[in-house]
Amino acid sequence: MRMLVEVIDTIALLIEVLGVVVIVGGFAITSWRFLHHGMFHDQRAFMHYRHGIARSLILGLDFLIAGDVIKTVIISNTGQQVATLGLIVLIRAFLGFTLHVEVEGHWPWQDSRYKEAKDSDRGDDHG
């Protein structure tokens, strides 16, 4: 049984490390692309940069939450640790929610028609 707990703990740690790698790697790749193309004054390029960073954060947070859930629920599931996990998940979910709004430009429950209408409105302003 002890060996199983150690294996699960190692898996949870690897998932958390993967989350950090996704965040750092996404930041590095997105920043490199932005700097490589030299589009510092292009508003569209800056928005792509921000969206790339936000996507990396969202995906990385998902991995970090998964690692926390595995460690807390499977390995050490005392009441206080589960409550702490709940708080961590709420904070990370809130961050994910706000990042989603930042990336997509609309609330998660609004369908893609809202975004299409918003994009066509932007096109009318520029044309």
Protein backbone atom coordinates (compact mmCIF):
# COMPACT_ATOMS: atom_id res chain seq x y z
CA MET A 1 0.00 0.00 0.00
CA ARG A 2 2.82 2.38 0.86
CA MET A 3 4.39 1.81 -2.55
CA LEU A 4 1.10 2.65 -4.27
CA VAL A 5 0.88 5.93 -2.34
CA GLU A 6 4.44 6.79 -3.38
CA VAL A 7 3.64 6.05 -7.03
CA ILE A 8 0.50 8.20 -6.90
CA ASP A 9 2.43 10.99 -5.16
CA THR A 10 5.07 10.85 -7.89
CA ILE A 11 2.40 10.96 -10.60
CA ALA A 12 0.79 13.99 -8.93
CA LEU A 13 4.17 15.71 -8.73
CA LEU A 14 4.85 15.01 -12.41
CA ILE A 15 1.46 16.46 -13.34
CA GLU A 16 2.23 19.61 -11.33
CA VAL A 17 5.66 19.89 -12.95
CA LEU A 18 4.00 19.52 -16.34
CA GLY A 19 1.70 22.42 -15.40
CA VAL A 20 4.69 24.62 -14.59
CA VAL A 21 6.41 23.55 -17.83
CA VAL A 22 3.29 24.46 -19.81
CA ILE A 23 3.12 27.91 -18.20
CA VAL A 24 6.84 28.68 -18.55
CA GLY A 25 7.11 27.10 -22.01
CA GLY A 26 4.01 28.87 -23.26
CA PHE A 27 5.32 32.18 -21.97
CA ALA A 28 8.72 31.59 -23.57
CA ILE A 29 7.36 30.47 -26.95
CA THR A 30 4.76 33.23 -27.12
CA SER A 31 7.30 35.87 -26.09
CA TRP A 32 9.84 34.57 -28.62
CA ARG A 33 7.27 34.72 -31.42
CA PHE A 34 6.28 38.24 -30.43
CA LEU A 35 9.89 39.46 -30.20
CA HIS A 36 11.02 37.54 -33.29
CA HIS A 37 8.42 39.18 -35.50
CA GLY A 38 9.25 42.61 -34.05
CA MET A 39 5.68 43.80 -34.01
CA PHE A 40 5.89 45.94 -30.90
CA HIS A 41 3.56 48.63 -32.22
CA ASP A 42 1.01 46.36 -33.90
CA GLN A 43 -2.11 46.10 -31.74
CA ARG A 44 -3.16 42.78 -33.28
CA ALA A 45 0.23 41.22 -32.55
CA PHE A 46 0.02 42.42 -28.97
CA MET A 47 -3.44 40.89 -28.58
CA HIS A 48 -2.15 37.57 -29.99
CA TYR A 49 0.67 37.77 -27.46
CA ARG A 50 -1.73 38.33 -24.57
CA HIS A 51 -3.99 35.52 -25.75
CA GLY A 52 -1.05 33.13 -26.04
CA ILE A 53 0.07 33.92 -22.50
CA ALA A 54 -3.47 33.53 -21.16
CA ARG A 55 -3.95 30.18 -22.93
CA SER A 56 -0.71 28.90 -21.42
CA LEU A 57 -1.82 30.01 -17.97
CA ILE A 58 -5.24 28.37 -18.34
CA LEU A 59 -3.79 25.04 -19.44
CA GLY A 60 -1.04 25.15 -16.82
CA LEU A 61 -3.55 25.92 -14.07
CA ASP A 62 -5.60 22.91 -15.14
CA PHE A 63 -2.59 20.65 -14.67
CA LEU A 64 -1.76 22.23 -11.31
CA ILE A 65 -5.33 21.71 -10.10
CA ALA A 66 -5.25 18.08 -11.23
CA GLY A 67 -2.03 17.48 -9.31
CA ASP A 68 -3.48 19.08 -6.17
CA VAL A 69 -6.65 17.01 -6.42
CA ILE A 70 -4.72 13.77 -6.78
CA LYS A 71 -2.43 14.54 -3.85
CA THR A 72 -5.16 15.72 -1.52
CA VAL A 73 -7.96 13.28 -2.27
CA ILE A 74 -5.95 10.12 -2.86
CA ILE A 75 -2.98 10.56 -0.54
CA SER A 76 -3.87 12.78 2.39
CA ASN A 77 -7.56 13.46 2.72
CA THR A 78 -7.95 15.07 6.12
CA GLY A 79 -10.73 17.61 6.49
CA GLN A 80 -8.40 20.57 6.73
CA GLN A 81 -6.45 19.52 3.64
CA VAL A 82 -9.62 18.99 1.63
CA ALA A 83 -10.85 22.45 2.69
CA THR A 84 -7.51 23.96 1.69
CA LEU A 85 -7.73 22.16 -1.64
CA GLY A 86 -11.23 23.53 -2.14
CA LEU A 87 -9.97 27.06 -1.57
CA ILE A 88 -7.05 26.54 -3.95
CA VAL A 89 -9.36 25.11 -6.61
CA LEU A 90 -11.75 28.06 -6.21
CA ILE A 91 -8.93 30.57 -6.59
CA ARG A 92 -7.47 28.79 -9.61
CA ALA A 93 -10.93 28.35 -11.15
CA PHE A 94 -11.56 32.07 -10.73
CA LEU A 95 -8.24 32.81 -12.41
CA GLY A 96 -9.13 30.43 -15.23
CA PHE A 97 -12.54 32.07 -15.60
CA THR A 98 -11.11 35.58 -15.79
CA LEU A 99 -8.43 34.44 -18.22
CA HIS A 100 -11.12 32.86 -20.40
CA VAL A 101 -13.00 36.15 -20.52
CA GLU A 102 -9.73 37.91 -21.38
CA VAL A 103 -8.89 35.50 -24.20
CA GLU A 104 -12.34 35.00 -25.72
CA GLY A 105 -13.76 38.45 -25.08
CA HIS A 106 -17.08 37.13 -23.78
CA TRP A 107 -18.52 35.16 -20.89
CA PRO A 108 -18.10 31.37 -21.10
CA TRP A 109 -21.85 30.78 -21.26
CA GLN A 110 -22.27 33.02 -24.30
CA ASP A 111 -22.07 31.06 -27.53
CA SER A 112 -19.82 31.74 -30.49
CA ARG A 113 -22.50 33.82 -32.23
CA TYR A 114 -21.75 36.60 -29.73
CA LYS A 115 -18.09 36.54 -30.71
CA GLU A 116 -18.92 36.46 -34.43
CA ALA A 117 -21.22 39.46 -34.02
CA LYS A 118 -18.56 41.29 -32.03
CA ASP A 119 -15.92 40.53 -34.68
CA SER A 120 -18.18 41.73 -37.49
CA ASP A 121 -18.83 44.95 -35.55
CA ARG A 122 -15.08 45.50 -35.33
CA GLY A 123 -14.77 44.91 -39.06
CA ASP A 124 -17.40 47.57 -39.75
CA ASP A 125 -15.47 50.10 -37.66
CA HIS A 126 -12.25 49.56 -39.62
CA GLY A 127 -13.77 49.36 -43.11
